[in-house]
């Protein structure tokens, strides 16, 4: 299986409030982390995985990218 995010690139961290998610989403995140580990032979913690998935989602959201460019 191939996952949609690339290898993790470290960036400056910012702390946000605690995130509460449904258990079904937690199960999917754990499974995704397992697929990531198989693809890259590297473990990823759940917090980093959520960050990478969110970044990937924002990058692929063309309407958001258009809005972001209009704000520059």
PDB file of N, CA and C in Angstrom:
ATOM      1  N   UNK A   1       0.831  -1.181   0.000  1.00  0.00           N
ATOM      2  CA  UNK A   1       0.000   0.000   0.000  1.00  0.00           C
ATOM      3  C   UNK A   1       0.873   1.240   0.000  1.00  0.00           C
ATOM      4  N   UNK A   2       0.434   2.260  -0.669  1.00  0.00           N
ATOM      5  CA  UNK A   2       1.146   3.526  -0.718  1.00  0.00           C
ATOM      6  C   UNK A   2       0.326   4.580   0.018  1.00  0.00           C
ATOM      7  N   UNK A   3       0.985   5.418   0.811  1.00  0.00           N
ATOM      8  CA  UNK A   3       0.286   6.484   1.513  1.00  0.00           C
ATOM      9  C   UNK A   3       0.459   7.797   0.772  1.00  0.00           C
ATOM     10  N   UNK A   4      -0.439   8.737   1.021  1.00  0.00           N
ATOM     11  CA  UNK A   4      -0.468   9.991   0.275  1.00  0.00           C
ATOM     12  C   UNK A   4       0.485  11.062   0.750  1.00  0.00           C
ATOM     13  N   UNK A   5       1.107  10.869   1.916  1.00  0.00           N
ATOM     14  CA  UNK A   5       2.052  11.871   2.390  1.00  0.00           C
ATOM     15  C   UNK A   5       3.471  11.379   2.167  1.00  0.00           C
ATOM     16  N   UNK A   6       4.372  12.326   2.009  1.00  0.00           N
ATOM     17  CA  UNK A   6       5.769  11.975   1.827  1.00  0.00           C
ATOM     18  C   UNK A   6       6.472  11.839   3.158  1.00  0.00           C
ATOM     19  N   UNK A   7       7.779  11.606   3.134  1.00  0.00           N
ATOM     20  CA  UNK A   7       8.539  11.525   4.377  1.00  0.00           C
ATOM     21  C   UNK A   7       8.410  12.836   5.173  1.00  0.00           C
ATOM     22  N   UNK A   8       8.426  12.731   6.470  1.00  0.00           N
ATOM     23  CA  UNK A   8       8.243  13.880   7.345  1.00  0.00           C
ATOM     24  C   UNK A   8       9.451  14.799   7.291  1.00  0.00           C
ATOM     25  N   UNK A   9       9.173  16.093   7.181  1.00  0.00           N
ATOM     26  CA  UNK A   9      10.207  17.119   7.216  1.00  0.00           C
ATOM     27  C   UNK A   9       9.975  17.939   8.477  1.00  0.00           C
ATOM     28  N   UNK A  10      11.003  18.028   9.326  1.00  0.00           N
ATOM     29  CA  UNK A  10      10.860  18.763  10.584  1.00  0.00           C
ATOM     30  C   UNK A  10      10.693  20.252  10.333  1.00  0.00           C
ATOM     31  N   UNK A  11       9.860  20.880  11.164  1.00  0.00           N
ATOM     32  CA  UNK A  11       9.588  22.300  11.089  1.00  0.00           C
ATOM     33  C   UNK A  11       9.473  22.817  12.524  1.00  0.00           C
ATOM     34  N   UNK A  12       9.375  24.108  12.693  1.00  0.00           N
ATOM     35  CA  UNK A  12       9.205  24.680  14.027  1.00  0.00           C
ATOM     36  C   UNK A  12       7.846  24.276  14.583  1.00  0.00           C
ATOM     37  N   UNK A  13       7.816  23.876  15.845  1.00  0.00           N
ATOM     38  CA  UNK A  13       6.579  23.414  16.468  1.00  0.00           C
ATOM     39  C   UNK A  13       5.832  24.551  17.144  1.00  0.00           C
ATOM     40  N   UNK A  14       4.499  24.452  17.102  1.00  0.00           N
ATOM     41  CA  UNK A  14       3.605  25.357  17.805  1.00  0.00           C
ATOM     42  C   UNK A  14       2.599  24.481  18.536  1.00  0.00           C
ATOM     43  N   UNK A  15       2.352  24.769  19.789  1.00  0.00           N
ATOM     44  CA  UNK A  15       1.422  23.972  20.576  1.00  0.00           C
ATOM     45  C   UNK A  15       0.006  24.502  20.406  1.00  0.00           C
ATOM     46  N   UNK A  16      -0.931  23.584  20.149  1.00  0.00           N
ATOM     47  CA  UNK A  16      -2.342  23.939  20.088  1.00  0.00           C
ATOM     48  C   UNK A  16      -3.096  23.134  21.137  1.00  0.00           C
ATOM     49  N   UNK A  17      -4.341  23.453  21.327  1.00  0.00           N
ATOM     50  CA  UNK A  17      -5.144  22.765  22.343  1.00  0.00           C
ATOM     51  C   UNK A  17      -5.273  21.282  22.040  1.00  0.00           C
ATOM     52  N   UNK A  18      -5.598  20.548  23.068  1.00  0.00           N
ATOM     53  CA  UNK A  18      -5.795  19.106  22.969  1.00  0.00           C
ATOM     54  C   UNK A  18      -6.897  18.798  21.957  1.00  0.00           C
ATOM     55  N   UNK A  19      -6.665  17.796  21.145  1.00  0.00           N
ATOM     56  CA  UNK A  19      -7.608  17.403  20.109  1.00  0.00           C
ATOM     57  C   UNK A  19      -8.329  16.131  20.524  1.00  0.00           C
ATOM     58  N   UNK A  20      -9.648  16.171  20.513  1.00  0.00           N
ATOM     59  CA  UNK A  20     -10.449  14.995  20.828  1.00  0.00           C
ATOM     60  C   UNK A  20     -11.054  14.497  19.521  1.00  0.00           C
ATOM     61  N   UNK A  21     -10.809  13.213  19.209  1.00  0.00           N
ATOM     62  CA  UNK A  21     -11.282  12.646  17.945  1.00  0.00           C
ATOM     63  C   UNK A  21     -12.114  11.388  18.212  1.00  0.00           C
ATOM     64  N   UNK A  22     -12.980  11.038  17.269  1.00  0.00           N
ATOM     65  CA  UNK A  22     -13.755   9.798  17.415  1.00  0.00           C
ATOM     66  C   UNK A  22     -12.824   8.586  17.389  1.00  0.00           C
ATOM     67  N   UNK A  23     -13.212   7.538  18.091  1.00  0.00           N
ATOM     68  CA  UNK A  23     -12.372   6.339  18.155  1.00  0.00           C
ATOM     69  C   UNK A  23     -12.172   5.720  16.771  1.00  0.00           C
ATOM     70  N   UNK A  24     -13.162   5.833  15.896  1.00  0.00           N
ATOM     71  CA  UNK A  24     -13.009   5.285  14.538  1.00  0.00           C
ATOM     72  C   UNK A  24     -11.917   6.020  13.766  1.00  0.00           C
ATOM     73  N   UNK A  25     -11.808   7.337  13.974  1.00  0.00           N
ATOM     74  CA  UNK A  25     -10.740   8.104  13.331  1.00  0.00           C
ATOM     75  C   UNK A  25      -9.390   7.720  13.924  1.00  0.00           C
ATOM     76  N   UNK A  26      -9.352   7.500  15.221  1.00  0.00           N
ATOM     77  CA  UNK A  26      -8.126   7.039  15.871  1.00  0.00           C
ATOM     78  C   UNK A  26      -7.674   5.705  15.280  1.00  0.00           C
ATOM     79  N   UNK A  27      -8.623   4.801  15.076  1.00  0.00           N
ATOM     80  CA  UNK A  27      -8.295   3.507  14.467  1.00  0.00           C
ATOM     81  C   UNK A  27      -7.696   3.698  13.077  1.00  0.00           C
ATOM     82  N   UNK A  28      -8.301   4.588  12.283  1.00  0.00           N
ATOM     83  CA  UNK A  28      -7.786   4.849  10.937  1.00  0.00           C
ATOM     84  C   UNK A  28      -6.393   5.473  10.990  1.00  0.00           C
ATOM     85  N   UNK A  29      -6.160   6.377  11.931  1.00  0.00           N
ATOM     86  CA  UNK A  29      -4.841   6.992  12.069  1.00  0.00           C
ATOM     87  C   UNK A  29      -3.781   5.959  12.438  1.00  0.00           C
ATOM     88  N   UNK A  30      -4.133   5.033  13.318  1.00  0.00           N
ATOM     89  CA  UNK A  30      -3.193   3.981  13.678  1.00  0.00           C
ATOM     90  C   UNK A  30      -2.880   3.094  12.479  1.00  0.00           C
ATOM     91  N   UNK A  31      -3.895   2.780  11.688  1.00  0.00           N
ATOM     92  CA  UNK A  31      -3.687   1.974  10.492  1.00  0.00           C
ATOM     93  C   UNK A  31      -2.844   2.726   9.465  1.00  0.00           C
ATOM     94  N   UNK A  32      -3.104   4.015   9.307  1.00  0.00           N
ATOM     95  CA  UNK A  32      -2.333   4.843   8.384  1.00  0.00           C
ATOM     96  C   UNK A  32      -0.873   4.893   8.826  1.00  0.00           C
ATOM     97  N   UNK A  33      -0.646   5.030  10.130  1.00  0.00           N
ATOM     98  CA  UNK A  33       0.726   5.053  10.654  1.00  0.00           C
ATOM     99  C   UNK A  33       1.440   3.745  10.342  1.00  0.00           C
ATOM    100  N   UNK A  34       0.712   2.653  10.417  1.00  0.00           N
ATOM    101  CA  UNK A  34       1.292   1.351  10.078  1.00  0.00           C
ATOM    102  C   UNK A  34       1.675   1.288   8.595  1.00  0.00           C
ATOM    103  N   UNK A  35       0.795   1.802   7.738  1.00  0.00           N
ATOM    104  CA  UNK A  35       1.094   1.835   6.300  1.00  0.00           C
ATOM    105  C   UNK A  35       2.289   2.741   6.021  1.00  0.00           C
ATOM    106  N   UNK A  36       2.368   3.875   6.723  1.00  0.00           N
ATOM    107  CA  UNK A  36       3.494   4.799   6.579  1.00  0.00           C
ATOM    108  C   UNK A  36       4.793   4.092   6.953  1.00  0.00           C
ATOM    109  N   UNK A  37       4.750   3.371   8.057  1.00  0.00           N
ATOM    110  CA  UNK A  37       5.946   2.655   8.511  1.00  0.00           C
ATOM    111  C   UNK A  37       6.380   1.606   7.487  1.00  0.00           C
ATOM    112  N   UNK A  38       5.418   0.895   6.912  1.00  0.00           N
ATOM    113  CA  UNK A  38       5.751  -0.100   5.887  1.00  0.00           C
ATOM    114  C   UNK A  38       6.363   0.555   4.657  1.00  0.00           C
ATOM    115  N   UNK A  39       5.825   1.719   4.255  1.00  0.00           N
ATOM    116  CA  UNK A  39       6.315   2.382   3.048  1.00  0.00           C
ATOM    117  C   UNK A  39       7.690   3.000   3.252  1.00  0.00           C
ATOM    118  N   UNK A  40       7.917   3.657   4.396  1.00  0.00           N
ATOM    119  CA  UNK A  40       9.157   4.400   4.608  1.00  0.00           C
ATOM    120  C   UNK A  40      10.126   3.721   5.578  1.00  0.00           C
ATOM    121  N   UNK A  41       9.718   2.584   6.142  1.00  0.00           N
ATOM    122  CA  UNK A  41      10.540   1.878   7.114  1.00  0.00           C
ATOM    123  C   UNK A  41      10.951   2.811   8.253  1.00  0.00           C
ATOM    124  N   UNK A  42       9.981   3.628   8.693  1.00  0.00           N
ATOM    125  CA  UNK A  42      10.214   4.631   9.720  1.00  0.00           C
ATOM    126  C   UNK A  42       8.900   4.815  10.484  1.00  0.00           C
ATOM    127  N   UNK A  43       8.976   4.834  11.800  1.00  0.00           N
ATOM    128  CA  UNK A  43       7.758   5.046  12.576  1.00  0.00           C
ATOM    129  C   UNK A  43       7.384   6.521  12.590  1.00  0.00           C
ATOM    130  N   UNK A  44       6.104   6.785  12.806  1.00  0.00           N
ATOM    131  CA  UNK A  44       5.611   8.154  12.918  1.00  0.00           C
ATOM    132  C   UNK A  44       4.608   8.176  14.060  1.00  0.00           C
ATOM    133  N   UNK A  45       4.755   9.153  14.965  1.00  0.00           N
ATOM    134  CA  UNK A  45       3.798   9.219  16.066  1.00  0.00           C
ATOM    135  C   UNK A  45       2.504   9.866  15.578  1.00  0.00           C
ATOM    136  N   UNK A  46       1.454   9.674  16.353  1.00  0.00           N
ATOM    137  CA  UNK A  46       0.139  10.124  15.919  1.00  0.00           C
ATOM    138  C   UNK A  46       0.065  11.643  15.750  1.00  0.00           C
ATOM    139  N   UNK A  47       0.726  12.380  16.619  1.00  0.00           N
ATOM    140  CA  UNK A  47       0.701  13.838  16.514  1.00  0.00           C
ATOM    141  C   UNK A  47       1.341  14.305  15.202  1.00  0.00           C
ATOM    142  N   UNK A  48       2.496  13.745  14.876  1.00  0.00           N
ATOM    143  CA  UNK A  48       3.174  14.122  13.640  1.00  0.00           C
ATOM    144  C   UNK A  48       2.354  13.696  12.423  1.00  0.00           C
ATOM    145  N   UNK A  49       1.729  12.539  12.507  1.00  0.00           N
ATOM    146  CA  UNK A  49       0.898  12.055  11.403  1.00  0.00           C
ATOM    147  C   UNK A  49      -0.262  13.008  11.149  1.00  0.00           C
ATOM    148  N   UNK A  50      -0.919  13.456  12.208  1.00  0.00           N
ATOM    149  CA  UNK A  50      -2.036  14.394  12.053  1.00  0.00           C
ATOM    150  C   UNK A  50      -1.559  15.683  11.399  1.00  0.00           C
ATOM    151  N   UNK A  51      -0.406  16.178  11.828  1.00  0.00           N
ATOM    152  CA  UNK A  51       0.163  17.404  11.248  1.00  0.00           C
ATOM    153  C   UNK A  51       0.425  17.206   9.755  1.00  0.00           C
ATOM    154  N   UNK A  52       1.059  16.104   9.392  1.00  0.00           N
ATOM    155  CA  UNK A  52       1.390  15.852   7.984  1.00  0.00           C
ATOM    156  C   UNK A  52       0.136  15.693   7.127  1.00  0.00           C
ATOM    157  N   UNK A  53      -0.859  14.997   7.644  1.00  0.00           N
ATOM    158  CA  UNK A  53      -2.110  14.824   6.896  1.00  0.00           C
ATOM    159  C   UNK A  53      -2.828  16.158   6.713  1.00  0.00           C
ATOM    160  N   UNK A  54      -2.816  16.988   7.743  1.00  0.00           N
ATOM    161  CA  UNK A  54      -3.444  18.303   7.651  1.00  0.00           C
ATOM    162  C   UNK A  54      -2.713  19.190   6.652  1.00  0.00           C
ATOM    163  N   UNK A  55      -1.374  19.198   6.716  1.00  0.00           N
ATOM    164  CA  UNK A  55      -0.595  19.975   5.737  1.00  0.00           C
ATOM    165  C   UNK A  55      -0.900  19.518   4.322  1.00  0.00           C
ATOM    166  N   UNK A  56      -0.931  18.197   4.116  1.00  0.00           N
ATOM    167  CA  UNK A  56      -1.203  17.630   2.804  1.00  0.00           C
ATOM    168  C   UNK A  56      -2.591  18.039   2.307  1.00  0.00           C
ATOM    169  N   UNK A  57      -3.554  18.028   3.199  1.00  0.00           N
ATOM    170  CA  UNK A  57      -4.915  18.409   2.843  1.00  0.00           C
ATOM    171  C   UNK A  57      -4.985  19.876   2.422  1.00  0.00           C
ATOM    172  N   UNK A  58      -4.313  20.749   3.164  1.00  0.00           N
ATOM    173  CA  UNK A  58      -4.320  22.172   2.821  1.00  0.00           C
ATOM    174  C   UNK A  58      -3.611  22.441   1.495  1.00  0.00           C
ATOM    175  N   UNK A  59      -2.531  21.735   1.242  1.00  0.00           N
ATOM    176  CA  UNK A  59      -1.802  21.904  -0.019  1.00  0.00           C
ATOM    177  C   UNK A  59      -2.666  21.501  -1.210  1.00  0.00           C
ATOM    178  N   UNK A  60      -3.430  20.437  -1.047  1.00  0.00           N
ATOM    179  CA  UNK A  60      -4.251  19.925  -2.151  1.00  0.00           C
ATOM    180  C   UNK A  60      -5.579  20.666  -2.324  1.00  0.00           C
ATOM    181  N   UNK A  61      -5.949  21.494  -1.355  1.00  0.00           N
ATOM    182  CA  UNK A  61      -7.210  22.233  -1.414  1.00  0.00           C
ATOM    183  C   UNK A  61      -7.016  23.463  -2.302  1.00  0.00           C
ATOM    184  N   UNK A  62      -7.405  23.352  -3.552  1.00  0.00           N
ATOM    185  CA  UNK A  62      -7.148  24.426  -4.520  1.00  0.00           C
ATOM    186  C   UNK A  62      -7.880  25.716  -4.178  1.00  0.00           C
ATOM    187  N   UNK A  63      -9.073  25.622  -3.628  1.00  0.00           N
ATOM    188  CA  UNK A  63      -9.809  26.836  -3.250  1.00  0.00           C
ATOM    189  C   UNK A  63      -9.096  27.554  -2.110  1.00  0.00           C
ATOM    190  N   UNK A  64      -8.590  26.788  -1.156  1.00  0.00           N
ATOM    191  CA  UNK A  64      -7.837  27.406  -0.075  1.00  0.00           C
ATOM    192  C   UNK A  64      -6.553  28.037  -0.613  1.00  0.00           C
ATOM    193  N   UNK A  65      -5.851  27.352  -1.506  1.00  0.00           N
ATOM    194  CA  UNK A  65      -4.614  27.892  -2.063  1.00  0.00           C
ATOM    195  C   UNK A  65      -4.868  29.186  -2.822  1.00  0.00           C
ATOM    196  N   UNK A  66      -5.984  29.253  -3.533  1.00  0.00           N
ATOM    197  CA  UNK A  66      -6.345  30.470  -4.255  1.00  0.00           C
ATOM    198  C   UNK A  66      -6.607  31.601  -3.253  1.00  0.00           C
ATOM    199  N   UNK A  67      -7.343  31.288  -2.185  1.00  0.00           N
ATOM    200  CA  UNK A  67      -7.607  32.281  -1.144  1.00  0.00           C
ATOM    201  C   UNK A  67      -6.308  32.747  -0.496  1.00  0.00           C
ATOM    202  N   UNK A  68      -5.420  31.804  -0.200  1.00  0.00           N
ATOM    203  CA  UNK A  68      -4.142  32.130   0.431  1.00  0.00           C
ATOM    204  C   UNK A  68      -3.337  33.077  -0.441  1.00  0.00           C
ATOM    205  N   UNK A  69      -3.302  32.810  -1.742  1.00  0.00           N
ATOM    206  CA  UNK A  69      -2.562  33.698  -2.651  1.00  0.00           C
ATOM    207  C   UNK A  69      -3.171  35.084  -2.689  1.00  0.00           C
ATOM    208  N   UNK A  70      -4.492  35.157  -2.590  1.00  0.00           N
ATOM    209  CA  UNK A  70      -5.148  36.468  -2.622  1.00  0.00           C
ATOM    210  C   UNK A  70      -4.839  37.288  -1.369  1.00  0.00           C
ATOM    211  N   UNK A  71      -4.419  36.636  -0.299  1.00  0.00           N
ATOM    212  CA  UNK A  71      -4.116  37.323   0.951  1.00  0.00           C
ATOM    213  C   UNK A  71      -2.671  37.819   1.009  1.00  0.00           C
ATOM    214  N   UNK A  72      -1.851  37.433   0.051  1.00  0.00           N
ATOM    215  CA  UNK A  72      -0.434  37.846   0.067  1.00  0.00           C
ATOM    216  C   UNK A  72      -0.260  39.255  -0.420  1.00  0.00           C
TER     217      UNK A  72
END
